[in-house]
Amino acid sequence: ARSEDHKKSEEYALKDCIECGVCAYVC
């Protein structure tokens, strides 16, 4: 996301993210 590598973001299934915020909560 930071490098705006959109192709890689889609390959790693960014669209499946439900934006629950758990990752930011535990970081």
mmCIF file of all heavy atoms, coordinates in Angstrom:
data_MODEL
# 
_entry.id   MODEL 
# 
loop_
_atom_site.group_PDB 
_atom_site.id 
_atom_site.type_symbol 
_atom_site.label_atom_id 
_atom_site.label_alt_id 
_atom_site.label_comp_id 
_atom_site.label_asym_id 
_atom_site.label_entity_id 
_atom_site.label_seq_id 
_atom_site.pdbx_PDB_ins_code 
_atom_site.Cartn_x 
_atom_site.Cartn_y 
_atom_site.Cartn_z 
_atom_site.occupancy 
_atom_site.B_iso_or_equiv 
_atom_site.pdbx_formal_charge 
_atom_site.auth_seq_id 
_atom_site.auth_comp_id 
_atom_site.auth_asym_id 
_atom_site.auth_atom_id 
_atom_site.pdbx_PDB_model_num 
ATOM 1   N N   . ALA A 1 1  ? 0.831   -1.208  0.000   1.00 0.00 ? 1  ALA A N   1 
ATOM 2   C CA  . ALA A 1 1  ? 0.000   0.000   0.000   1.00 0.00 ? 1  ALA A CA  1 
ATOM 3   C C   . ALA A 1 1  ? 0.862   1.254   0.000   1.00 0.00 ? 1  ALA A C   1 
ATOM 4   O O   . ALA A 1 1  ? 0.569   2.228   -0.705  1.00 0.00 ? 1  ALA A O   1 
ATOM 5   C CB  . ALA A 1 1  ? -0.932  -0.005  1.211   1.00 0.00 ? 1  ALA A CB  1 
ATOM 6   N N   . ARG A 1 2  ? 1.943   1.234   0.791   1.00 0.00 ? 2  ARG A N   1 
ATOM 7   C CA  . ARG A 1 2  ? 2.809   2.418   0.853   1.00 0.00 ? 2  ARG A CA  1 
ATOM 8   C C   . ARG A 1 2  ? 3.507   2.663   -0.478  1.00 0.00 ? 2  ARG A C   1 
ATOM 9   O O   . ARG A 1 2  ? 3.684   3.804   -0.900  1.00 0.00 ? 2  ARG A O   1 
ATOM 10  C CB  . ARG A 1 2  ? 3.847   2.246   1.959   1.00 0.00 ? 2  ARG A CB  1 
ATOM 11  C CG  . ARG A 1 2  ? 3.269   2.375   3.360   1.00 0.00 ? 2  ARG A CG  1 
ATOM 12  C CD  . ARG A 1 2  ? 4.363   2.564   4.384   1.00 0.00 ? 2  ARG A CD  1 
ATOM 13  N NE  . ARG A 1 2  ? 5.162   3.762   4.111   1.00 0.00 ? 2  ARG A NE  1 
ATOM 14  C CZ  . ARG A 1 2  ? 6.143   4.194   4.910   1.00 0.00 ? 2  ARG A CZ  1 
ATOM 15  N NH1 . ARG A 1 2  ? 6.443   3.523   6.019   1.00 0.00 ? 2  ARG A NH1 1 
ATOM 16  N NH2 . ARG A 1 2  ? 6.822   5.273   4.603   1.00 0.00 ? 2  ARG A NH2 1 
ATOM 17  N N   . SER A 1 3  ? 3.912   1.612   -1.151  1.00 0.00 ? 3  SER A N   1 
ATOM 18  C CA  . SER A 1 3  ? 4.602   1.756   -2.443  1.00 0.00 ? 3  SER A CA  1 
ATOM 19  C C   . SER A 1 3  ? 3.636   1.823   -3.616  1.00 0.00 ? 3  SER A C   1 
ATOM 20  O O   . SER A 1 3  ? 4.069   1.914   -4.770  1.00 0.00 ? 3  SER A O   1 
ATOM 21  C CB  . SER A 1 3  ? 5.568   0.590   -2.639  1.00 0.00 ? 3  SER A CB  1 
ATOM 22  O OG  . SER A 1 3  ? 4.856   -0.642  -2.655  1.00 0.00 ? 3  SER A OG  1 
ATOM 23  N N   . GLU A 1 4  ? 2.327   1.753   -3.335  1.00 0.00 ? 4  GLU A N   1 
ATOM 24  C CA  . GLU A 1 4  ? 1.282   1.775   -4.363  1.00 0.00 ? 4  GLU A CA  1 
ATOM 25  C C   . GLU A 1 4  ? 1.490   0.675   -5.405  1.00 0.00 ? 4  GLU A C   1 
ATOM 26  O O   . GLU A 1 4  ? 1.312   0.886   -6.610  1.00 0.00 ? 4  GLU A O   1 
ATOM 27  C CB  . GLU A 1 4  ? 1.205   3.150   -5.035  1.00 0.00 ? 4  GLU A CB  1 
ATOM 28  C CG  . GLU A 1 4  ? 0.799   4.264   -4.083  1.00 0.00 ? 4  GLU A CG  1 
ATOM 29  C CD  . GLU A 1 4  ? 0.498   5.570   -4.798  1.00 0.00 ? 4  GLU A CD  1 
ATOM 30  O OE1 . GLU A 1 4  ? 0.610   5.598   -6.034  1.00 0.00 ? 4  GLU A OE1 1 
ATOM 31  O OE2 . GLU A 1 4  ? 0.153   6.548   -4.113  1.00 0.00 ? 4  GLU A OE2 1 
ATOM 32  N N   . ASP A 1 5  ? 1.888   -0.474  -4.911  1.00 0.00 ? 5  ASP A N   1 
ATOM 33  C CA  . ASP A 1 5  ? 2.020   -1.649  -5.774  1.00 0.00 ? 5  ASP A CA  1 
ATOM 34  C C   . ASP A 1 5  ? 0.644   -2.331  -5.809  1.00 0.00 ? 5  ASP A C   1 
ATOM 35  O O   . ASP A 1 5  ? 0.385   -3.301  -5.077  1.00 0.00 ? 5  ASP A O   1 
ATOM 36  C CB  . ASP A 1 5  ? 3.095   -2.586  -5.229  1.00 0.00 ? 5  ASP A CB  1 
ATOM 37  C CG  . ASP A 1 5  ? 3.461   -3.686  -6.218  1.00 0.00 ? 5  ASP A CG  1 
ATOM 38  O OD1 . ASP A 1 5  ? 2.664   -3.914  -7.155  1.00 0.00 ? 5  ASP A OD1 1 
ATOM 39  O OD2 . ASP A 1 5  ? 4.513   -4.329  -6.043  1.00 0.00 ? 5  ASP A OD2 1 
ATOM 40  N N   . HIS A 1 6  ? -0.218  -1.828  -6.658  1.00 0.00 ? 6  HIS A N   1 
ATOM 41  C CA  . HIS A 1 6  ? -1.601  -2.294  -6.675  1.00 0.00 ? 6  HIS A CA  1 
ATOM 42  C C   . HIS A 1 6  ? -1.716  -3.754  -7.113  1.00 0.00 ? 6  HIS A C   1 
ATOM 43  O O   . HIS A 1 6  ? -2.583  -4.489  -6.609  1.00 0.00 ? 6  HIS A O   1 
ATOM 44  C CB  . HIS A 1 6  ? -2.433  -1.398  -7.600  1.00 0.00 ? 6  HIS A CB  1 
ATOM 45  C CG  . HIS A 1 6  ? -2.294  0.064   -7.289  1.00 0.00 ? 6  HIS A CG  1 
ATOM 46  N ND1 . HIS A 1 6  ? -2.438  0.566   -6.025  1.00 0.00 ? 6  HIS A ND1 1 
ATOM 47  C CD2 . HIS A 1 6  ? -2.004  1.126   -8.089  1.00 0.00 ? 6  HIS A CD2 1 
ATOM 48  C CE1 . HIS A 1 6  ? -2.269  1.882   -6.046  1.00 0.00 ? 6  HIS A CE1 1 
ATOM 49  N NE2 . HIS A 1 6  ? -1.993  2.235   -7.286  1.00 0.00 ? 6  HIS A NE2 1 
ATOM 50  N N   . LYS A 1 7  ? -0.858  -4.150  -7.999  1.00 0.00 ? 7  LYS A N   1 
ATOM 51  C CA  . LYS A 1 7  ? -0.919  -5.529  -8.474  1.00 0.00 ? 7  LYS A CA  1 
ATOM 52  C C   . LYS A 1 7  ? -0.628  -6.503  -7.339  1.00 0.00 ? 7  LYS A C   1 
ATOM 53  O O   . LYS A 1 7  ? -1.328  -7.505  -7.159  1.00 0.00 ? 7  LYS A O   1 
ATOM 54  C CB  . LYS A 1 7  ? 0.074   -5.718  -9.624  1.00 0.00 ? 7  LYS A CB  1 
ATOM 55  C CG  . LYS A 1 7  ? 0.019   -7.103  -10.247 1.00 0.00 ? 7  LYS A CG  1 
ATOM 56  C CD  . LYS A 1 7  ? 0.977   -7.209  -11.433 1.00 0.00 ? 7  LYS A CD  1 
ATOM 57  C CE  . LYS A 1 7  ? 0.911   -8.607  -12.045 1.00 0.00 ? 7  LYS A CE  1 
ATOM 58  N NZ  . LYS A 1 7  ? 1.844   -8.736  -13.211 1.00 0.00 ? 7  LYS A NZ  1 
ATOM 59  N N   . LYS A 1 8  ? 0.422   -6.206  -6.558  1.00 0.00 ? 8  LYS A N   1 
ATOM 60  C CA  . LYS A 1 8  ? 0.767   -7.073  -5.434  1.00 0.00 ? 8  LYS A CA  1 
ATOM 61  C C   . LYS A 1 8  ? -0.321  -7.051  -4.357  1.00 0.00 ? 8  LYS A C   1 
ATOM 62  O O   . LYS A 1 8  ? -0.622  -8.071  -3.733  1.00 0.00 ? 8  LYS A O   1 
ATOM 63  C CB  . LYS A 1 8  ? 2.098   -6.624  -4.831  1.00 0.00 ? 8  LYS A CB  1 
ATOM 64  C CG  . LYS A 1 8  ? 3.314   -7.081  -5.599  1.00 0.00 ? 8  LYS A CG  1 
ATOM 65  C CD  . LYS A 1 8  ? 3.501   -8.600  -5.474  1.00 0.00 ? 8  LYS A CD  1 
ATOM 66  C CE  . LYS A 1 8  ? 4.794   -9.052  -6.132  1.00 0.00 ? 8  LYS A CE  1 
ATOM 67  N NZ  . LYS A 1 8  ? 4.975   -10.520 -6.029  1.00 0.00 ? 8  LYS A NZ  1 
ATOM 68  N N   . SER A 1 9  ? -0.919  -5.886  -4.155  1.00 0.00 ? 9  SER A N   1 
ATOM 69  C CA  . SER A 1 9  ? -1.995  -5.794  -3.158  1.00 0.00 ? 9  SER A CA  1 
ATOM 70  C C   . SER A 1 9  ? -3.143  -6.713  -3.521  1.00 0.00 ? 9  SER A C   1 
ATOM 71  O O   . SER A 1 9  ? -3.723  -7.386  -2.649  1.00 0.00 ? 9  SER A O   1 
ATOM 72  C CB  . SER A 1 9  ? -2.485  -4.348  -3.055  1.00 0.00 ? 9  SER A CB  1 
ATOM 73  O OG  . SER A 1 9  ? -1.475  -3.508  -2.556  1.00 0.00 ? 9  SER A OG  1 
ATOM 74  N N   . GLU A 1 10 ? -3.472  -6.768  -4.803  1.00 0.00 ? 10 GLU A N   1 
ATOM 75  C CA  . GLU A 1 10 ? -4.562  -7.642  -5.230  1.00 0.00 ? 10 GLU A CA  1 
ATOM 76  C C   . GLU A 1 10 ? -4.146  -9.113  -5.146  1.00 0.00 ? 10 GLU A C   1 
ATOM 77  O O   . GLU A 1 10 ? -4.967  -9.977  -4.808  1.00 0.00 ? 10 GLU A O   1 
ATOM 78  C CB  . GLU A 1 10 ? -4.986  -7.285  -6.649  1.00 0.00 ? 10 GLU A CB  1 
ATOM 79  C CG  . GLU A 1 10 ? -5.670  -5.926  -6.750  1.00 0.00 ? 10 GLU A CG  1 
ATOM 80  C CD  . GLU A 1 10 ? -6.268  -5.671  -8.111  1.00 0.00 ? 10 GLU A CD  1 
ATOM 81  O OE1 . GLU A 1 10 ? -5.507  -5.324  -9.032  1.00 0.00 ? 10 GLU A OE1 1 
ATOM 82  O OE2 . GLU A 1 10 ? -7.498  -5.836  -8.245  1.00 0.00 ? 10 GLU A OE2 1 
ATOM 83  N N   . GLU A 1 11 ? -2.879  -9.395  -5.434  1.00 0.00 ? 11 GLU A N   1 
ATOM 84  C CA  . GLU A 1 11 ? -2.412  -10.778 -5.340  1.00 0.00 ? 11 GLU A CA  1 
ATOM 85  C C   . GLU A 1 11 ? -2.487  -11.288 -3.903  1.00 0.00 ? 11 GLU A C   1 
ATOM 86  O O   . GLU A 1 11 ? -2.745  -12.478 -3.673  1.00 0.00 ? 11 GLU A O   1 
ATOM 87  C CB  . GLU A 1 11 ? -0.978  -10.879 -5.864  1.00 0.00 ? 11 GLU A CB  1 
ATOM 88  C CG  . GLU A 1 11 ? -0.866  -10.734 -7.377  1.00 0.00 ? 11 GLU A CG  1 
ATOM 89  C CD  . GLU A 1 11 ? 0.578   -10.801 -7.841  1.00 0.00 ? 11 GLU A CD  1 
ATOM 90  O OE1 . GLU A 1 11 ? 1.477   -10.973 -6.964  1.00 0.00 ? 11 GLU A OE1 1 
ATOM 91  O OE2 . GLU A 1 11 ? 0.822   -10.681 -9.048  1.00 0.00 ? 11 GLU A OE2 1 
ATOM 92  N N   . TYR A 1 12 ? -2.271  -10.400 -2.944  1.00 0.00 ? 12 TYR A N   1 
ATOM 93  C CA  . TYR A 1 12 ? -2.320  -10.787 -1.539  1.00 0.00 ? 12 TYR A CA  1 
ATOM 94  C C   . TYR A 1 12 ? -3.717  -10.586 -0.946  1.00 0.00 ? 12 TYR A C   1 
ATOM 95  O O   . TYR A 1 12 ? -3.868  -10.488 0.255   1.00 0.00 ? 12 TYR A O   1 
ATOM 96  C CB  . TYR A 1 12 ? -1.275  -10.011 -0.738  1.00 0.00 ? 12 TYR A CB  1 
ATOM 97  C CG  . TYR A 1 12 ? 0.118   -10.609 -0.822  1.00 0.00 ? 12 TYR A CG  1 
ATOM 98  C CD1 . TYR A 1 12 ? 0.862   -10.533 -1.998  1.00 0.00 ? 12 TYR A CD1 1 
ATOM 99  C CD2 . TYR A 1 12 ? 0.674   -11.262 0.266   1.00 0.00 ? 12 TYR A CD2 1 
ATOM 100 C CE1 . TYR A 1 12 ? 2.134   -11.078 -2.089  1.00 0.00 ? 12 TYR A CE1 1 
ATOM 101 C CE2 . TYR A 1 12 ? 1.948   -11.814 0.193   1.00 0.00 ? 12 TYR A CE2 1 
ATOM 102 C CZ  . TYR A 1 12 ? 2.673   -11.721 -0.989  1.00 0.00 ? 12 TYR A CZ  1 
ATOM 103 O OH  . TYR A 1 12 ? 3.931   -12.284 -1.067  1.00 0.00 ? 12 TYR A OH  1 
ATOM 104 N N   . ALA A 1 13 ? -4.723  -10.533 -1.821  1.00 0.00 ? 13 ALA A N   1 
ATOM 105 C CA  . ALA A 1 13 ? -6.148  -10.557 -1.427  1.00 0.00 ? 13 ALA A CA  1 
ATOM 106 C C   . ALA A 1 13 ? -6.535  -9.405  -0.510  1.00 0.00 ? 13 ALA A C   1 
ATOM 107 O O   . ALA A 1 13 ? -7.203  -9.591  0.515   1.00 0.00 ? 13 ALA A O   1 
ATOM 108 C CB  . ALA A 1 13 ? -6.491  -11.895 -0.773  1.00 0.00 ? 13 ALA A CB  1 
ATOM 109 N N   . LEU A 1 14 ? -6.138  -8.202  -0.884  1.00 0.00 ? 14 LEU A N   1 
ATOM 110 C CA  . LEU A 1 14 ? -6.536  -7.041  -0.091  1.00 0.00 ? 14 LEU A CA  1 
ATOM 111 C C   . LEU A 1 14 ? -8.054  -6.888  -0.059  1.00 0.00 ? 14 LEU A C   1 
ATOM 112 O O   . LEU A 1 14 ? -8.624  -6.421  0.939   1.00 0.00 ? 14 LEU A O   1 
ATOM 113 C CB  . LEU A 1 14 ? -5.898  -5.768  -0.668  1.00 0.00 ? 14 LEU A CB  1 
ATOM 114 C CG  . LEU A 1 14 ? -6.297  -4.458  -0.008  1.00 0.00 ? 14 LEU A CG  1 
ATOM 115 C CD1 . LEU A 1 14 ? -5.861  -4.412  1.449   1.00 0.00 ? 14 LEU A CD1 1 
ATOM 116 C CD2 . LEU A 1 14 ? -5.728  -3.261  -0.777  1.00 0.00 ? 14 LEU A CD2 1 
ATOM 117 N N   . LYS A 1 15 ? -8.717  -7.314  -1.132  1.00 0.00 ? 15 LYS A N   1 
ATOM 118 C CA  . LYS A 1 15 ? -10.182 -7.160  -1.205  1.00 0.00 ? 15 LYS A CA  1 
ATOM 119 C C   . LYS A 1 15 ? -10.903 -7.983  -0.147  1.00 0.00 ? 15 LYS A C   1 
ATOM 120 O O   . LYS A 1 15 ? -12.062 -7.717  0.183   1.00 0.00 ? 15 LYS A O   1 
ATOM 121 C CB  . LYS A 1 15 ? -10.690 -7.542  -2.597  1.00 0.00 ? 15 LYS A CB  1 
ATOM 122 C CG  . LYS A 1 15 ? -10.491 -8.993  -2.967  1.00 0.00 ? 15 LYS A CG  1 
ATOM 123 C CD  . LYS A 1 15 ? -11.069 -9.274  -4.339  1.00 0.00 ? 15 LYS A CD  1 
ATOM 124 C CE  . LYS A 1 15 ? -10.866 -10.740 -4.741  1.00 0.00 ? 15 LYS A CE  1 
ATOM 125 N NZ  . LYS A 1 15 ? -9.447  -11.121 -4.813  1.00 0.00 ? 15 LYS A NZ  1 
ATOM 126 N N   . ASP A 1 16 ? -10.234 -9.007  0.421   1.00 0.00 ? 16 ASP A N   1 
ATOM 127 C CA  . ASP A 1 16 ? -10.861 -9.832  1.454   1.00 0.00 ? 16 ASP A CA  1 
ATOM 128 C C   . ASP A 1 16 ? -10.793 -9.185  2.835   1.00 0.00 ? 16 ASP A C   1 
ATOM 129 O O   . ASP A 1 16 ? -11.403 -9.697  3.782   1.00 0.00 ? 16 ASP A O   1 
ATOM 130 C CB  . ASP A 1 16 ? -10.190 -11.209 1.512   1.00 0.00 ? 16 ASP A CB  1 
ATOM 131 C CG  . ASP A 1 16 ? -10.510 -12.055 0.293   1.00 0.00 ? 16 ASP A CG  1 
ATOM 132 O OD1 . ASP A 1 16 ? -11.537 -11.771 -0.358  1.00 0.00 ? 16 ASP A OD1 1 
ATOM 133 O OD2 . ASP A 1 16 ? -9.745  -12.984 -0.022  1.00 0.00 ? 16 ASP A OD2 1 
ATOM 134 N N   . CYS A 1 17 ? -10.056 -8.103  2.956   1.00 0.00 ? 17 CYS A N   1 
ATOM 135 C CA  . CYS A 1 17 ? -9.957  -7.419  4.248   1.00 0.00 ? 17 CYS A CA  1 
ATOM 136 C C   . CYS A 1 17 ? -11.321 -6.854  4.631   1.00 0.00 ? 17 CYS A C   1 
ATOM 137 O O   . CYS A 1 17 ? -11.955 -6.136  3.845   1.00 0.00 ? 17 CYS A O   1 
ATOM 138 C CB  . CYS A 1 17 ? -8.926  -6.296  4.176   1.00 0.00 ? 17 CYS A CB  1 
ATOM 139 S SG  . CYS A 1 17 ? -8.830  -5.289  5.666   1.00 0.00 ? 17 CYS A SG  1 
ATOM 140 N N   . ILE A 1 18 ? -11.787 -7.168  5.850   1.00 0.00 ? 18 ILE A N   1 
ATOM 141 C CA  . ILE A 1 18 ? -13.105 -6.698  6.310   1.00 0.00 ? 18 ILE A CA  1 
ATOM 142 C C   . ILE A 1 18 ? -12.991 -5.391  7.101   1.00 0.00 ? 18 ILE A C   1 
ATOM 143 O O   . ILE A 1 18 ? -13.985 -4.913  7.641   1.00 0.00 ? 18 ILE A O   1 
ATOM 144 C CB  . ILE A 1 18 ? -13.800 -7.777  7.158   1.00 0.00 ? 18 ILE A CB  1 
ATOM 145 C CG1 . ILE A 1 18 ? -12.965 -8.109  8.390   1.00 0.00 ? 18 ILE A CG1 1 
ATOM 146 C CG2 . ILE A 1 18 ? -14.084 -9.012  6.315   1.00 0.00 ? 18 ILE A CG2 1 
ATOM 147 C CD1 . ILE A 1 18 ? -13.633 -9.089  9.347   1.00 0.00 ? 18 ILE A CD1 1 
ATOM 148 N N   . GLU A 1 19 ? -11.776 -4.851  7.188   1.00 0.00 ? 19 GLU A N   1 
ATOM 149 C CA  . GLU A 1 19 ? -11.525 -3.573  7.865   1.00 0.00 ? 19 GLU A CA  1 
ATOM 150 C C   . GLU A 1 19 ? -12.011 -3.598  9.316   1.00 0.00 ? 19 GLU A C   1 
ATOM 151 O O   . GLU A 1 19 ? -12.595 -2.637  9.821   1.00 0.00 ? 19 GLU A O   1 
ATOM 152 C CB  . GLU A 1 19 ? -12.178 -2.419  7.096   1.00 0.00 ? 19 GLU A CB  1 
ATOM 153 C CG  . GLU A 1 19 ? -11.681 -2.290  5.669   1.00 0.00 ? 19 GLU A CG  1 
ATOM 154 C CD  . GLU A 1 19 ? -12.358 -1.163  4.913   1.00 0.00 ? 19 GLU A CD  1 
ATOM 155 O OE1 . GLU A 1 19 ? -12.943 -0.282  5.570   1.00 0.00 ? 19 GLU A OE1 1 
ATOM 156 O OE2 . GLU A 1 19 ? -12.296 -1.152  3.666   1.00 0.00 ? 19 GLU A OE2 1 
ATOM 157 N N   . CYS A 1 20 ? -11.759 -4.714  9.989   1.00 0.00 ? 20 CYS A N   1 
ATOM 158 C CA  . CYS A 1 20 ? -12.196 -4.850  11.382  1.00 0.00 ? 20 CYS A CA  1 
ATOM 159 C C   . CYS A 1 20 ? -11.322 -4.068  12.340  1.00 0.00 ? 20 CYS A C   1 
ATOM 160 O O   . CYS A 1 20 ? -11.726 -3.782  13.472  1.00 0.00 ? 20 CYS A O   1 
ATOM 161 C CB  . CYS A 1 20 ? -12.218 -6.326  11.776  1.00 0.00 ? 20 CYS A CB  1 
ATOM 162 S SG  . CYS A 1 20 ? -10.592 -7.132  11.697  1.00 0.00 ? 20 CYS A SG  1 
ATOM 163 N N   . GLY A 1 21 ? -10.093 -3.724  11.926  1.00 0.00 ? 21 GLY A N   1 
ATOM 164 C CA  . GLY A 1 21 ? -9.211  -2.937  12.773  1.00 0.00 ? 21 GLY A CA  1 
ATOM 165 C C   . GLY A 1 21 ? -8.403  -3.733  13.768  1.00 0.00 ? 21 GLY A C   1 
ATOM 166 O O   . GLY A 1 21 ? -7.681  -3.153  14.593  1.00 0.00 ? 21 GLY A O   1 
ATOM 167 N N   . VAL A 1 22 ? -8.478  -5.057  13.725  1.00 0.00 ? 22 VAL A N   1 
ATOM 168 C CA  . VAL A 1 22 ? -7.737  -5.880  14.677  1.00 0.00 ? 22 VAL A CA  1 
ATOM 169 C C   . VAL A 1 22 ? -6.235  -5.694  14.508  1.00 0.00 ? 22 VAL A C   1 
ATOM 170 O O   . VAL A 1 22 ? -5.480  -5.602  15.488  1.00 0.00 ? 22 VAL A O   1 
ATOM 171 C CB  . VAL A 1 22 ? -8.133  -7.359  14.521  1.00 0.00 ? 22 VAL A CB  1 
ATOM 172 C CG1 . VAL A 1 22 ? -7.190  -8.270  15.316  1.00 0.00 ? 22 VAL A CG1 1 
ATOM 173 C CG2 . VAL A 1 22 ? -9.562  -7.572  14.970  1.00 0.00 ? 22 VAL A CG2 1 
ATOM 174 N N   . CYS A 1 23 ? -5.763  -5.634  13.273  1.00 0.00 ? 23 CYS A N   1 
ATOM 175 C CA  . CYS A 1 23 ? -4.326  -5.517  13.015  1.00 0.00 ? 23 CYS A CA  1 
ATOM 176 C C   . CYS A 1 23 ? -3.761  -4.232  13.617  1.00 0.00 ? 23 CYS A C   1 
ATOM 177 O O   . CYS A 1 23 ? -2.686  -4.232  14.236  1.00 0.00 ? 23 CYS A O   1 
ATOM 178 C CB  . CYS A 1 23 ? -4.041  -5.597  11.522  1.00 0.00 ? 23 CYS A CB  1 
ATOM 179 S SG  . CYS A 1 23 ? -4.983  -4.398  10.540  1.00 0.00 ? 23 CYS A SG  1 
ATOM 180 N N   . ALA A 1 24 ? -4.468  -3.135  13.438  1.00 0.00 ? 24 ALA A N   1 
ATOM 181 C CA  . ALA A 1 24 ? -4.005  -1.867  14.012  1.00 0.00 ? 24 ALA A CA  1 
ATOM 182 C C   . ALA A 1 24 ? -4.094  -1.883  15.532  1.00 0.00 ? 24 ALA A C   1 
ATOM 183 O O   . ALA A 1 24 ? -3.279  -1.256  16.222  1.00 0.00 ? 24 ALA A O   1 
ATOM 184 C CB  . ALA A 1 24 ? -4.828  -0.716  13.446  1.00 0.00 ? 24 ALA A CB  1 
ATOM 185 N N   . TYR A 1 25 ? -5.060  -2.622  16.065  1.00 0.00 ? 25 TYR A N   1 
ATOM 186 C CA  . TYR A 1 25 ? -5.258  -2.682  17.517  1.00 0.00 ? 25 TYR A CA  1 
ATOM 187 C C   . TYR A 1 25 ? -4.075  -3.368  18.216  1.00 0.00 ? 25 TYR A C   1 
ATOM 188 O O   . TYR A 1 25 ? -3.660  -2.976  19.312  1.00 0.00 ? 25 TYR A O   1 
ATOM 189 C CB  . TYR A 1 25 ? -6.559  -3.421  17.810  1.00 0.00 ? 25 TYR A CB  1 
ATOM 190 C CG  . TYR A 1 25 ? -6.938  -3.474  19.265  1.00 0.00 ? 25 TYR A CG  1 
ATOM 191 C CD1 . TYR A 1 25 ? -7.625  -2.432  19.865  1.00 0.00 ? 25 TYR A CD1 1 
ATOM 192 C CD2 . TYR A 1 25 ? -6.609  -4.594  20.042  1.00 0.00 ? 25 TYR A CD2 1 
ATOM 193 C CE1 . TYR A 1 25 ? -7.982  -2.490  21.205  1.00 0.00 ? 25 TYR A CE1 1 
ATOM 194 C CE2 . TYR A 1 25 ? -6.963  -4.665  21.379  1.00 0.00 ? 25 TYR A CE2 1 
ATOM 195 C CZ  . TYR A 1 25 ? -7.655  -3.608  21.956  1.00 0.00 ? 25 TYR A CZ  1 
ATOM 196 O OH  . TYR A 1 25 ? -8.001  -3.663  23.291  1.00 0.00 ? 25 TYR A OH  1 
ATOM 197 N N   . VAL A 1 26 ? -3.521  -4.392  17.561  1.00 0.00 ? 26 VAL A N   1 
ATOM 198 C CA  . VAL A 1 26 ? -2.447  -5.170  18.196  1.00 0.00 ? 26 VAL A CA  1 
ATOM 199 C C   . VAL A 1 26 ? -1.054  -4.727  17.770  1.00 0.00 ? 26 VAL A C   1 
ATOM 200 O O   . VAL A 1 26 ? -0.059  -5.251  18.295  1.00 0.00 ? 26 VAL A O   1 
ATOM 201 C CB  . VAL A 1 26 ? -2.623  -6.669  17.874  1.00 0.00 ? 26 VAL A CB  1 
ATOM 202 C CG1 . VAL A 1 26 ? -3.965  -7.170  18.381  1.00 0.00 ? 26 VAL A CG1 1 
ATOM 203 C CG2 . VAL A 1 26 ? -2.474  -6.943  16.379  1.00 0.00 ? 26 VAL A CG2 1 
ATOM 204 N N   . CYS A 1 27 ? -0.949  -3.782  16.833  1.00 0.00 ? 27 CYS A N   1 
ATOM 205 C CA  . CYS A 1 27 ? 0.364   -3.393  16.307  1.00 0.00 ? 27 CYS A CA  1 
ATOM 206 C C   . CYS A 1 27 ? 1.174   -2.665  17.379  1.00 0.00 ? 27 CYS A C   1 
ATOM 207 O O   . CYS A 1 27 ? 0.758   -1.607  17.862  1.00 0.00 ? 27 CYS A O   1 
ATOM 208 C CB  . CYS A 1 27 ? 0.201   -2.513  15.082  1.00 0.00 ? 27 CYS A CB  1 
ATOM 209 S SG  . CYS A 1 27 ? 1.784   -1.972  14.386  1.00 0.00 ? 27 CYS A SG  1 
# 
